[in-house]
């Protein structure tokens, strides 16, 4: 499936975003963009806000790094965590496919810092 949006600026990999800061961009405040992090890269998914807003299917990934859940193809909140070290090879491929998809579709606003 081809993305319906595309990045509008180069990745901002020098922009460090703390987990606390990232959590503010969870779609609950309409005045702020919506961010999703995958493998530490923070994507601005605001062009598809309707998919990440509270009560919507992908909201569990908004405002955090939910890499493990994406690799597992899981929408369970307990799976939407940054640590993907337990994923098997097939799940790691799925996760890498998500990274490629998001990279083609959304702006990278920064990287998650500890």
PDB file of N, CA and C in Angstrom:
ATOM      1  N   UNK A   1       0.840  -1.184   0.000  1.00  0.00           N
ATOM      2  CA  UNK A   1       0.000   0.000   0.000  1.00  0.00           C
ATOM      3  C   UNK A   1       0.883   1.244   0.000  1.00  0.00           C
ATOM      4  N   UNK A   2       0.659   2.123  -0.941  1.00  0.00           N
ATOM      5  CA  UNK A   2       1.439   3.348  -1.038  1.00  0.00           C
ATOM      6  C   UNK A   2       0.981   4.361   0.011  1.00  0.00           C
ATOM      7  N   UNK A   3       1.942   5.044   0.638  1.00  0.00           N
ATOM      8  CA  UNK A   3       1.579   6.075   1.616  1.00  0.00           C
ATOM      9  C   UNK A   3       0.789   7.203   0.956  1.00  0.00           C
ATOM     10  N   UNK A   4      -0.142   7.770   1.702  1.00  0.00           N
ATOM     11  CA  UNK A   4      -0.942   8.888   1.185  1.00  0.00           C
ATOM     12  C   UNK A   4      -0.377  10.226   1.628  1.00  0.00           C
ATOM     13  N   UNK A   5       0.660  10.196   2.446  1.00  0.00           N
ATOM     14  CA  UNK A   5       1.358  11.409   2.850  1.00  0.00           C
ATOM     15  C   UNK A   5       2.838  11.175   2.610  1.00  0.00           C
ATOM     16  N   UNK A   6       3.614  12.243   2.661  1.00  0.00           N
ATOM     17  CA  UNK A   6       5.058  12.132   2.459  1.00  0.00           C
ATOM     18  C   UNK A   6       5.767  13.151   3.344  1.00  0.00           C
ATOM     19  N   UNK A   7       7.006  12.861   3.757  1.00  0.00           N
ATOM     20  CA  UNK A   7       7.756  13.817   4.566  1.00  0.00           C
ATOM     21  C   UNK A   7       7.926  15.142   3.818  1.00  0.00           C
ATOM     22  N   UNK A   8       7.967  16.225   4.572  1.00  0.00           N
ATOM     23  CA  UNK A   8       8.128  17.547   3.967  1.00  0.00           C
ATOM     24  C   UNK A   8       9.468  18.191   4.304  1.00  0.00           C
ATOM     25  N   UNK A   9      10.242  17.564   5.168  1.00  0.00           N
ATOM     26  CA  UNK A   9      11.567  18.098   5.492  1.00  0.00           C
ATOM     27  C   UNK A   9      12.518  16.952   5.846  1.00  0.00           C
ATOM     28  N   UNK A  10      13.828  17.218   5.800  1.00  0.00           N
ATOM     29  CA  UNK A  10      14.798  16.165   6.133  1.00  0.00           C
ATOM     30  C   UNK A  10      14.645  15.705   7.589  1.00  0.00           C
ATOM     31  N   UNK A  11      15.060  14.472   7.881  1.00  0.00           N
ATOM     32  CA  UNK A  11      14.984  13.980   9.265  1.00  0.00           C
ATOM     33  C   UNK A  11      15.776  14.877  10.217  1.00  0.00           C
ATOM     34  N   UNK A  12      15.222  15.095  11.383  1.00  0.00           N
ATOM     35  CA  UNK A  12      15.872  15.919  12.411  1.00  0.00           C
ATOM     36  C   UNK A  12      16.493  15.001  13.464  1.00  0.00           C
ATOM     37  N   UNK A  13      17.529  14.281  13.068  1.00  0.00           N
ATOM     38  CA  UNK A  13      18.128  13.274  13.942  1.00  0.00           C
ATOM     39  C   UNK A  13      18.953  13.880  15.071  1.00  0.00           C
ATOM     40  N   UNK A  14      19.248  15.180  15.000  1.00  0.00           N
ATOM     41  CA  UNK A  14      19.995  15.829  16.076  1.00  0.00           C
ATOM     42  C   UNK A  14      19.074  16.384  17.162  1.00  0.00           C
ATOM     43  N   UNK A  15      17.777  16.275  16.960  1.00  0.00           N
ATOM     44  CA  UNK A  15      16.795  16.764  17.931  1.00  0.00           C
ATOM     45  C   UNK A  15      16.486  15.657  18.945  1.00  0.00           C
ATOM     46  N   UNK A  16      16.950  15.813  20.170  1.00  0.00           N
ATOM     47  CA  UNK A  16      16.735  14.812  21.221  1.00  0.00           C
ATOM     48  C   UNK A  16      15.421  15.091  21.935  1.00  0.00           C
ATOM     49  N   UNK A  17      14.574  14.069  22.033  1.00  0.00           N
ATOM     50  CA  UNK A  17      13.268  14.202  22.675  1.00  0.00           C
ATOM     51  C   UNK A  17      13.194  13.187  23.809  1.00  0.00           C
ATOM     52  N   UNK A  18      13.018  13.687  25.031  1.00  0.00           N
ATOM     53  CA  UNK A  18      12.938  12.788  26.184  1.00  0.00           C
ATOM     54  C   UNK A  18      11.621  12.018  26.156  1.00  0.00           C
ATOM     55  N   UNK A  19      11.581  10.903  26.873  1.00  0.00           N
ATOM     56  CA  UNK A  19      10.342  10.121  26.946  1.00  0.00           C
ATOM     57  C   UNK A  19       9.213  10.957  27.565  1.00  0.00           C
ATOM     58  N   UNK A  20       9.563  11.789  28.553  1.00  0.00           N
ATOM     59  CA  UNK A  20       8.553  12.650  29.188  1.00  0.00           C
ATOM     60  C   UNK A  20       7.999  13.658  28.184  1.00  0.00           C
ATOM     61  N   UNK A  21       8.873  14.244  27.387  1.00  0.00           N
ATOM     62  CA  UNK A  21       8.441  15.201  26.370  1.00  0.00           C
ATOM     63  C   UNK A  21       7.594  14.492  25.316  1.00  0.00           C
ATOM     64  N   UNK A  22       8.033  13.329  24.876  1.00  0.00           N
ATOM     65  CA  UNK A  22       7.313  12.556  23.874  1.00  0.00           C
ATOM     66  C   UNK A  22       5.884  12.252  24.319  1.00  0.00           C
ATOM     67  N   UNK A  23       5.719  11.974  25.600  1.00  0.00           N
ATOM     68  CA  UNK A  23       4.396  11.604  26.119  1.00  0.00           C
ATOM     69  C   UNK A  23       3.376  12.732  25.987  1.00  0.00           C
ATOM     70  N   UNK A  24       3.832  13.965  25.840  1.00  0.00           N
ATOM     71  CA  UNK A  24       2.921  15.105  25.675  1.00  0.00           C
ATOM     72  C   UNK A  24       2.256  15.114  24.296  1.00  0.00           C
ATOM     73  N   UNK A  25       2.824  14.358  23.368  1.00  0.00           N
ATOM     74  CA  UNK A  25       2.351  14.357  21.979  1.00  0.00           C
ATOM     75  C   UNK A  25       1.556  13.090  21.683  1.00  0.00           C
ATOM     76  N   UNK A  26       0.603  12.785  22.546  1.00  0.00           N
ATOM     77  CA  UNK A  26      -0.153  11.533  22.454  1.00  0.00           C
ATOM     78  C   UNK A  26      -1.519  11.682  21.789  1.00  0.00           C
ATOM     79  N   UNK A  27      -1.768  12.839  21.203  1.00  0.00           N
ATOM     80  CA  UNK A  27      -3.025  13.053  20.504  1.00  0.00           C
ATOM     81  C   UNK A  27      -4.147  13.588  21.357  1.00  0.00           C
ATOM     82  N   UNK A  28      -3.930  13.729  22.656  1.00  0.00           N
ATOM     83  CA  UNK A  28      -5.006  14.205  23.525  1.00  0.00           C
ATOM     84  C   UNK A  28      -5.149  15.726  23.502  1.00  0.00           C
ATOM     85  N   UNK A  29      -4.119  16.445  23.057  1.00  0.00           N
ATOM     86  CA  UNK A  29      -4.179  17.899  22.959  1.00  0.00           C
ATOM     87  C   UNK A  29      -4.241  18.274  21.472  1.00  0.00           C
ATOM     88  N   UNK A  30      -5.370  18.792  20.998  1.00  0.00           N
ATOM     89  CA  UNK A  30      -5.506  19.108  19.571  1.00  0.00           C
ATOM     90  C   UNK A  30      -4.569  20.212  19.091  1.00  0.00           C
ATOM     91  N   UNK A  31      -3.966  20.954  20.025  1.00  0.00           N
ATOM     92  CA  UNK A  31      -3.050  22.030  19.651  1.00  0.00           C
ATOM     93  C   UNK A  31      -1.616  21.545  19.432  1.00  0.00           C
ATOM     94  N   UNK A  32      -1.345  20.289  19.779  1.00  0.00           N
ATOM     95  CA  UNK A  32       0.000  19.732  19.618  1.00  0.00           C
ATOM     96  C   UNK A  32       0.002  18.666  18.529  1.00  0.00           C
ATOM     97  N   UNK A  33       1.157  18.485  17.876  1.00  0.00           N
ATOM     98  CA  UNK A  33       1.239  17.381  16.909  1.00  0.00           C
ATOM     99  C   UNK A  33       1.161  16.034  17.625  1.00  0.00           C
ATOM    100  N   UNK A  34       0.986  14.966  16.866  1.00  0.00           N
ATOM    101  CA  UNK A  34       0.960  13.612  17.403  1.00  0.00           C
ATOM    102  C   UNK A  34       2.248  12.925  16.961  1.00  0.00           C
ATOM    103  N   UNK A  35       2.988  12.375  17.939  1.00  0.00           N
ATOM    104  CA  UNK A  35       4.251  11.707  17.647  1.00  0.00           C
ATOM    105  C   UNK A  35       4.158  10.224  17.993  1.00  0.00           C
ATOM    106  N   UNK A  36       4.807   9.418  17.175  1.00  0.00           N
ATOM    107  CA  UNK A  36       4.984   7.989  17.425  1.00  0.00           C
ATOM    108  C   UNK A  36       6.468   7.707  17.221  1.00  0.00           C
ATOM    109  N   UNK A  37       7.075   6.995  18.160  1.00  0.00           N
ATOM    110  CA  UNK A  37       8.482   6.620  18.007  1.00  0.00           C
ATOM    111  C   UNK A  37       8.579   5.137  17.673  1.00  0.00           C
ATOM    112  N   UNK A  38       9.500   4.831  16.761  1.00  0.00           N
ATOM    113  CA  UNK A  38       9.786   3.451  16.398  1.00  0.00           C
ATOM    114  C   UNK A  38      11.297   3.297  16.350  1.00  0.00           C
ATOM    115  N   UNK A  39      11.792   2.338  17.102  1.00  0.00           N
ATOM    116  CA  UNK A  39      13.234   2.094  17.182  1.00  0.00           C
ATOM    117  C   UNK A  39      13.984   3.394  17.482  1.00  0.00           C
ATOM    118  N   UNK A  40      13.381   4.237  18.316  1.00  0.00           N
ATOM    119  CA  UNK A  40      14.021   5.471  18.760  1.00  0.00           C
ATOM    120  C   UNK A  40      13.819   6.674  17.864  1.00  0.00           C
ATOM    121  N   UNK A  41      13.318   6.496  16.652  1.00  0.00           N
ATOM    122  CA  UNK A  41      13.040   7.628  15.765  1.00  0.00           C
ATOM    123  C   UNK A  41      11.631   8.140  16.040  1.00  0.00           C
ATOM    124  N   UNK A  42      11.503   9.450  16.193  1.00  0.00           N
ATOM    125  CA  UNK A  42      10.214  10.072  16.509  1.00  0.00           C
ATOM    126  C   UNK A  42       9.590  10.624  15.230  1.00  0.00           C
ATOM    127  N   UNK A  43       8.440  10.071  14.879  1.00  0.00           N
ATOM    128  CA  UNK A  43       7.719  10.464  13.674  1.00  0.00           C
ATOM    129  C   UNK A  43       6.531  11.349  14.031  1.00  0.00           C
ATOM    130  N   UNK A  44       6.305  12.390  13.216  1.00  0.00           N
ATOM    131  CA  UNK A  44       5.124  13.243  13.361  1.00  0.00           C
ATOM    132  C   UNK A  44       4.012  12.628  12.514  1.00  0.00           C
ATOM    133  N   UNK A  45       3.061  11.981  13.182  1.00  0.00           N
ATOM    134  CA  UNK A  45       1.961  11.305  12.481  1.00  0.00           C
ATOM    135  C   UNK A  45       0.706  12.179  12.411  1.00  0.00           C
ATOM    136  N   UNK A  46       0.866  13.466  12.669  1.00  0.00           N
ATOM    137  CA  UNK A  46      -0.270  14.392  12.664  1.00  0.00           C
ATOM    138  C   UNK A  46      -1.091  14.364  11.379  1.00  0.00           C
ATOM    139  N   UNK A  47      -0.471  14.143  10.201  1.00  0.00           N
ATOM    140  CA  UNK A  47      -1.311  14.087   8.994  1.00  0.00           C
ATOM    141  C   UNK A  47      -2.385  12.991   9.052  1.00  0.00           C
ATOM    142  N   UNK A  48      -2.202  12.009   9.889  1.00  0.00           N
ATOM    143  CA  UNK A  48      -3.183  10.938  10.075  1.00  0.00           C
ATOM    144  C   UNK A  48      -3.667  10.909  11.527  1.00  0.00           C
ATOM    145  N   UNK A  49      -3.802  12.095  12.105  1.00  0.00           N
ATOM    146  CA  UNK A  49      -4.209  12.243  13.512  1.00  0.00           C
ATOM    147  C   UNK A  49      -5.418  11.391  13.860  1.00  0.00           C
ATOM    148  N   UNK A  50      -6.349  11.274  12.924  1.00  0.00           N
ATOM    149  CA  UNK A  50      -7.580  10.541  13.202  1.00  0.00           C
ATOM    150  C   UNK A  50      -7.324   9.072  13.549  1.00  0.00           C
ATOM    151  N   UNK A  51      -6.177   8.536  13.177  1.00  0.00           N
ATOM    152  CA  UNK A  51      -5.854   7.140  13.483  1.00  0.00           C
ATOM    153  C   UNK A  51      -5.181   6.978  14.850  1.00  0.00           C
ATOM    154  N   UNK A  52      -4.647   8.094  15.389  1.00  0.00           N
ATOM    155  CA  UNK A  52      -3.854   8.041  16.619  1.00  0.00           C
ATOM    156  C   UNK A  52      -4.498   8.770  17.792  1.00  0.00           C
ATOM    157  N   UNK A  53      -5.653   9.346  17.585  1.00  0.00           N
ATOM    158  CA  UNK A  53      -6.345  10.090  18.645  1.00  0.00           C
ATOM    159  C   UNK A  53      -6.891   9.139  19.706  1.00  0.00           C
ATOM    160  N   UNK A  54      -7.148   9.651  20.911  1.00  0.00           N
ATOM    161  CA  UNK A  54      -7.723   8.803  21.965  1.00  0.00           C
ATOM    162  C   UNK A  54      -8.974   8.081  21.477  1.00  0.00           C
ATOM    163  N   UNK A  55      -9.031   6.796  21.770  1.00  0.00           N
ATOM    164  CA  UNK A  55     -10.162   5.975  21.377  1.00  0.00           C
ATOM    165  C   UNK A  55     -10.010   5.324  20.010  1.00  0.00           C
ATOM    166  N   UNK A  56      -8.967   5.679  19.269  1.00  0.00           N
ATOM    167  CA  UNK A  56      -8.744   5.122  17.937  1.00  0.00           C
ATOM    168  C   UNK A  56      -7.747   3.960  18.017  1.00  0.00           C
ATOM    169  N   UNK A  57      -7.718   3.143  16.978  1.00  0.00           N
ATOM    170  CA  UNK A  57      -6.949   1.906  16.969  1.00  0.00           C
ATOM    171  C   UNK A  57      -5.467   2.024  17.266  1.00  0.00           C
ATOM    172  N   UNK A  58      -4.818   3.049  16.747  1.00  0.00           N
ATOM    173  CA  UNK A  58      -3.370   3.170  16.922  1.00  0.00           C
ATOM    174  C   UNK A  58      -2.972   4.122  18.049  1.00  0.00           C
ATOM    175  N   UNK A  59      -3.942   4.549  18.844  1.00  0.00           N
ATOM    176  CA  UNK A  59      -3.638   5.477  19.939  1.00  0.00           C
ATOM    177  C   UNK A  59      -2.623   4.893  20.922  1.00  0.00           C
ATOM    178  N   UNK A  60      -2.584   3.592  21.071  1.00  0.00           N
ATOM    179  CA  UNK A  60      -1.642   3.004  22.037  1.00  0.00           C
ATOM    180  C   UNK A  60      -0.190   3.293  21.676  1.00  0.00           C
ATOM    181  N   UNK A  61       0.086   3.679  20.430  1.00  0.00           N
ATOM    182  CA  UNK A  61       1.453   3.998  20.013  1.00  0.00           C
ATOM    183  C   UNK A  61       1.758   5.491  20.101  1.00  0.00           C
ATOM    184  N   UNK A  62       0.745   6.319  20.271  1.00  0.00           N
ATOM    185  CA  UNK A  62       0.922   7.774  20.282  1.00  0.00           C
ATOM    186  C   UNK A  62       1.609   8.227  21.561  1.00  0.00           C
ATOM    187  N   UNK A  63       2.592   9.096  21.402  1.00  0.00           N
ATOM    188  CA  UNK A  63       3.291   9.668  22.544  1.00  0.00           C
ATOM    189  C   UNK A  63       4.295   8.734  23.199  1.00  0.00           C
ATOM    190  N   UNK A  64       4.693   7.680  22.486  1.00  0.00           N
ATOM    191  CA  UNK A  64       5.671   6.743  23.055  1.00  0.00           C
ATOM    192  C   UNK A  64       6.354   5.967  21.954  1.00  0.00           C
ATOM    193  N   UNK A  65       7.327   5.179  22.352  1.00  0.00           N
ATOM    194  CA  UNK A  65       7.971   4.239  21.439  1.00  0.00           C
ATOM    195  C   UNK A  65       7.334   2.885  21.695  1.00  0.00           C
ATOM    196  N   UNK A  66       6.549   2.429  20.757  1.00  0.00           N
ATOM    197  CA  UNK A  66       5.841   1.154  20.889  1.00  0.00           C
ATOM    198  C   UNK A  66       6.405   0.089  19.969  1.00  0.00           C
ATOM    199  N   UNK A  67       7.710   0.102  19.766  1.00  0.00           N
ATOM    200  CA  UNK A  67       8.362  -0.779  18.801  1.00  0.00           C
ATOM    201  C   UNK A  67       7.995  -2.251  18.970  1.00  0.00           C
ATOM    202  N   UNK A  68       7.993  -2.737  20.189  1.00  0.00           N
ATOM    203  CA  UNK A  68       7.714  -4.162  20.413  1.00  0.00           C
ATOM    204  C   UNK A  68       6.332  -4.533  19.880  1.00  0.00           C
ATOM    205  N   UNK A  69       5.323  -3.715  20.187  1.00  0.00           N
ATOM    206  CA  UNK A  69       3.967  -3.988  19.728  1.00  0.00           C
ATOM    207  C   UNK A  69       3.849  -3.961  18.219  1.00  0.00           C
ATOM    208  N   UNK A  70       4.550  -3.033  17.569  1.00  0.00           N
ATOM    209  CA  UNK A  70       4.511  -2.984  16.107  1.00  0.00           C
ATOM    210  C   UNK A  70       5.136  -4.238  15.510  1.00  0.00           C
ATOM    211  N   UNK A  71       6.260  -4.667  16.058  1.00  0.00           N
ATOM    212  CA  UNK A  71       6.906  -5.876  15.567  1.00  0.00           C
ATOM    213  C   UNK A  71       6.058  -7.118  15.761  1.00  0.00           C
ATOM    214  N   UNK A  72       5.278  -7.126  16.827  1.00  0.00           N
ATOM    215  CA  UNK A  72       4.404  -8.263  17.130  1.00  0.00           C
ATOM    216  C   UNK A  72       3.057  -8.157  16.418  1.00  0.00           C
ATOM    217  N   UNK A  73       2.807  -7.037  15.747  1.00  0.00           N
ATOM    218  CA  UNK A  73       1.490  -6.749  15.155  1.00  0.00           C
ATOM    219  C   UNK A  73       0.407  -6.826  16.223  1.00  0.00           C
ATOM    220  N   UNK A  74       0.723  -6.246  17.374  1.00  0.00           N
ATOM    221  CA  UNK A  74      -0.176  -6.282  18.526  1.00  0.00           C
ATOM    222  C   UNK A  74      -0.677  -4.884  18.865  1.00  0.00           C
ATOM    223  N   UNK A  75      -1.958  -4.791  19.167  1.00  0.00           N
ATOM    224  CA  UNK A  75      -2.538  -3.531  19.632  1.00  0.00           C
ATOM    225  C   UNK A  75      -2.817  -3.572  21.128  1.00  0.00           C
ATOM    226  N   UNK A  76      -2.196  -4.512  21.842  1.00  0.00           N
ATOM    227  CA  UNK A  76      -2.349  -4.580  23.292  1.00  0.00           C
ATOM    228  C   UNK A  76      -1.440  -3.533  23.940  1.00  0.00           C
ATOM    229  N   UNK A  77      -1.989  -2.719  24.837  1.00  0.00           N
ATOM    230  CA  UNK A  77      -1.182  -1.683  25.476  1.00  0.00           C
ATOM    231  C   UNK A  77       0.084  -2.218  26.147  1.00  0.00           C
ATOM    232  N   UNK A  78       0.012  -3.397  26.722  1.00  0.00           N
ATOM    233  CA  UNK A  78       1.186  -3.948  27.410  1.00  0.00           C
ATOM    234  C   UNK A  78       2.313  -4.313  26.445  1.00  0.00           C
ATOM    235  N   UNK A  79       1.996  -4.457  25.159  1.00  0.00           N
ATOM    236  CA  UNK A  79       3.024  -4.764  24.162  1.00  0.00           C
ATOM    237  C   UNK A  79       3.640  -3.508  23.552  1.00  0.00           C
ATOM    238  N   UNK A  80       2.997  -2.367  23.703  1.00  0.00           N
ATOM    239  CA  UNK A  80       3.456  -1.117  23.092  1.00  0.00           C
ATOM    240  C   UNK A  80       4.551  -0.481  23.949  1.00  0.00           C
ATOM    241  N   UNK A  81       5.724  -1.110  23.924  1.00  0.00           N
ATOM    242  CA  UNK A  81       6.883  -0.633  24.679  1.00  0.00           C
ATOM    243  C   UNK A  81       8.087  -0.528  23.743  1.00  0.00           C
ATOM    244  N   UNK A  82       9.080   0.223  24.167  1.00  0.00           N
ATOM    245  CA  UNK A  82      10.260   0.467  23.333  1.00  0.00           C
ATOM    246  C   UNK A  82      11.163  -0.749  23.189  1.00  0.00           C
ATOM    247  N   UNK A  83      11.256  -1.583  24.224  1.00  0.00           N
ATOM    248  CA  UNK A  83      12.179  -2.714  24.219  1.00  0.00           C
ATOM    249  C   UNK A  83      11.679  -3.809  23.278  1.00  0.00           C
ATOM    250  N   UNK A  84      12.386  -3.972  22.183  1.00  0.00           N
ATOM    251  CA  UNK A  84      12.006  -4.994  21.210  1.00  0.00           C
ATOM    252  C   UNK A  84      13.023  -6.141  21.171  1.00  0.00           C
ATOM    253  N   UNK A  85      13.820  -6.271  22.225  1.00  0.00           N
ATOM    254  CA  UNK A  85      14.887  -7.277  22.271  1.00  0.00           C
ATOM    255  C   UNK A  85      14.365  -8.711  22.290  1.00  0.00           C
ATOM    256  N   UNK A  86      13.098  -8.905  22.621  1.00  0.00           N
ATOM    257  CA  UNK A  86      12.544 -10.264  22.677  1.00  0.00           C
ATOM    258  C   UNK A  86      11.903 -10.702  21.353  1.00  0.00           C
ATOM    259  N   UNK A  87      11.907  -9.836  20.349  1.00  0.00           N
ATOM    260  CA  UNK A  87      11.295 -10.192  19.079  1.00  0.00           C
ATOM    261  C   UNK A  87      12.134 -11.228  18.334  1.00  0.00           C
ATOM    262  N   UNK A  88      11.459 -12.130  17.644  1.00  0.00           N
ATOM    263  CA  UNK A  88      12.169 -13.119  16.830  1.00  0.00           C
ATOM    264  C   UNK A  88      12.476 -12.500  15.457  1.00  0.00           C
ATOM    265  N   UNK A  89      13.150 -13.247  14.593  1.00  0.00           N
ATOM    266  CA  UNK A  89      13.581 -12.718  13.299  1.00  0.00           C
ATOM    267  C   UNK A  89      12.404 -12.246  12.442  1.00  0.00           C
ATOM    268  N   UNK A  90      11.335 -13.002  12.442  1.00  0.00           N
ATOM    269  CA  UNK A  90      10.153 -12.624  11.658  1.00  0.00           C
ATOM    270  C   UNK A  90       9.561 -11.312  12.184  1.00  0.00           C
ATOM    271  N   UNK A  91       9.468 -11.178  13.493  1.00  0.00           N
ATOM    272  CA  UNK A  91       8.924  -9.960  14.102  1.00  0.00           C
ATOM    273  C   UNK A  91       9.855  -8.766  13.869  1.00  0.00           C
ATOM    274  N   UNK A  92      11.167  -8.999  13.895  1.00  0.00           N
ATOM    275  CA  UNK A  92      12.118  -7.918  13.613  1.00  0.00           C
ATOM    276  C   UNK A  92      11.958  -7.430  12.179  1.00  0.00           C
ATOM    277  N   UNK A  93      11.680  -8.329  11.261  1.00  0.00           N
ATOM    278  CA  UNK A  93      11.436  -7.943   9.862  1.00  0.00           C
ATOM    279  C   UNK A  93      10.172  -7.085   9.774  1.00  0.00           C
ATOM    280  N   UNK A  94       9.130  -7.487  10.485  1.00  0.00           N
ATOM    281  CA  UNK A  94       7.890  -6.691  10.515  1.00  0.00           C
ATOM    282  C   UNK A  94       8.189  -5.291  11.061  1.00  0.00           C
ATOM    283  N   UNK A  95       8.959  -5.221  12.142  1.00  0.00           N
ATOM    284  CA  UNK A  95       9.306  -3.929  12.733  1.00  0.00           C
ATOM    285  C   UNK A  95      10.091  -3.080  11.744  1.00  0.00           C
ATOM    286  N   UNK A  96      11.062  -3.675  11.064  1.00  0.00           N
ATOM    287  CA  UNK A  96      11.834  -2.927  10.073  1.00  0.00           C
ATOM    288  C   UNK A  96      10.944  -2.453   8.925  1.00  0.00           C
ATOM    289  N   UNK A  97       9.960  -3.254   8.546  1.00  0.00           N
ATOM    290  CA  UNK A  97       9.016  -2.829   7.513  1.00  0.00           C
ATOM    291  C   UNK A  97       8.215  -1.609   7.969  1.00  0.00           C
ATOM    292  N   UNK A  98       7.829  -1.586   9.251  1.00  0.00           N
ATOM    293  CA  UNK A  98       7.121  -0.419   9.793  1.00  0.00           C
ATOM    294  C   UNK A  98       8.011   0.819   9.746  1.00  0.00           C
ATOM    295  N   UNK A  99       9.283   0.669  10.112  1.00  0.00           N
ATOM    296  CA  UNK A  99      10.208   1.807  10.066  1.00  0.00           C
ATOM    297  C   UNK A  99      10.290   2.349   8.643  1.00  0.00           C
ATOM    298  N   UNK A 100      10.445   1.454   7.674  1.00  0.00           N
ATOM    299  CA  UNK A 100      10.527   1.883   6.272  1.00  0.00           C
ATOM    300  C   UNK A 100       9.241   2.595   5.842  1.00  0.00           C
ATOM    301  N   UNK A 101       8.101   2.053   6.238  1.00  0.00           N
ATOM    302  CA  UNK A 101       6.822   2.644   5.879  1.00  0.00           C
ATOM    303  C   UNK A 101       6.667   4.038   6.485  1.00  0.00           C
ATOM    304  N   UNK A 102       6.945   4.166   7.775  1.00  0.00           N
ATOM    305  CA  UNK A 102       6.816   5.459   8.442  1.00  0.00           C
ATOM    306  C   UNK A 102       7.807   6.472   7.865  1.00  0.00           C
ATOM    307  N   UNK A 103       9.003   6.012   7.523  1.00  0.00           N
ATOM    308  CA  UNK A 103      10.020   6.913   6.975  1.00  0.00           C
ATOM    309  C   UNK A 103       9.569   7.498   5.644  1.00  0.00           C
ATOM    310  N   UNK A 104       8.855   6.724   4.835  1.00  0.00           N
ATOM    311  CA  UNK A 104       8.338   7.214   3.560  1.00  0.00           C
ATOM    312  C   UNK A 104       7.134   8.134   3.746  1.00  0.00           C
ATOM    313  N   UNK A 105       6.443   7.973   4.846  1.00  0.00           N
ATOM    314  CA  UNK A 105       5.161   8.642   5.032  1.00  0.00           C
ATOM    315  C   UNK A 105       5.229   9.901   5.904  1.00  0.00           C
ATOM    316  N   UNK A 106       6.061   9.878   6.955  1.00  0.00           N
ATOM    317  CA  UNK A 106       6.035  10.940   7.966  1.00  0.00           C
ATOM    318  C   UNK A 106       7.400  11.583   8.180  1.00  0.00           C
ATOM    319  N   UNK A 107       7.371  12.817   8.686  1.00  0.00           N
ATOM    320  CA  UNK A 107       8.600  13.508   9.067  1.00  0.00           C
ATOM    321  C   UNK A 107       9.187  12.900  10.334  1.00  0.00           C
ATOM    322  N   UNK A 108      10.500  12.760  10.355  1.00  0.00           N
ATOM    323  CA  UNK A 108      11.192  12.372  11.583  1.00  0.00           C
ATOM    324  C   UNK A 108      11.534  13.663  12.314  1.00  0.00           C
ATOM    325  N   UNK A 109      10.966  13.816  13.505  1.00  0.00           N
ATOM    326  CA  UNK A 109      11.132  15.035  14.286  1.00  0.00           C
ATOM    327  C   UNK A 109      12.303  14.990  15.263  1.00  0.00           C
ATOM    328  N   UNK A 110      12.855  13.813  15.468  1.00  0.00           N
ATOM    329  CA  UNK A 110      13.980  13.673  16.385  1.00  0.00           C
ATOM    330  C   UNK A 110      14.168  12.230  16.786  1.00  0.00           C
ATOM    331  N   UNK A 111      14.964  12.054  17.832  1.00  0.00           N
ATOM    332  CA  UNK A 111      15.223  10.719  18.368  1.00  0.00           C
ATOM    333  C   UNK A 111      14.947  10.728  19.868  1.00  0.00           C
ATOM    334  N   UNK A 112      14.509   9.595  20.374  1.00  0.00           N
ATOM    335  CA  UNK A 112      14.219   9.485  21.796  1.00  0.00           C
ATOM    336  C   UNK A 112      15.516   9.475  22.569  1.00  0.00           C
ATOM    337  N   UNK A 113      15.584  10.306  23.600  1.00  0.00           N
ATOM    338  CA  UNK A 113      16.745  10.332  24.490  1.00  0.00           C
ATOM    339  C   UNK A 113      16.311   9.780  25.841  1.00  0.00           C
ATOM    340  N   UNK A 114      17.230   9.234  26.539  1.00  0.00           N
ATOM    341  CA  UNK A 114      16.909   8.619  27.845  1.00  0.00           C
ATOM    342  C   UNK A 114      16.583   9.628  28.879  1.00  0.00           C
TER     343      UNK A 114
END
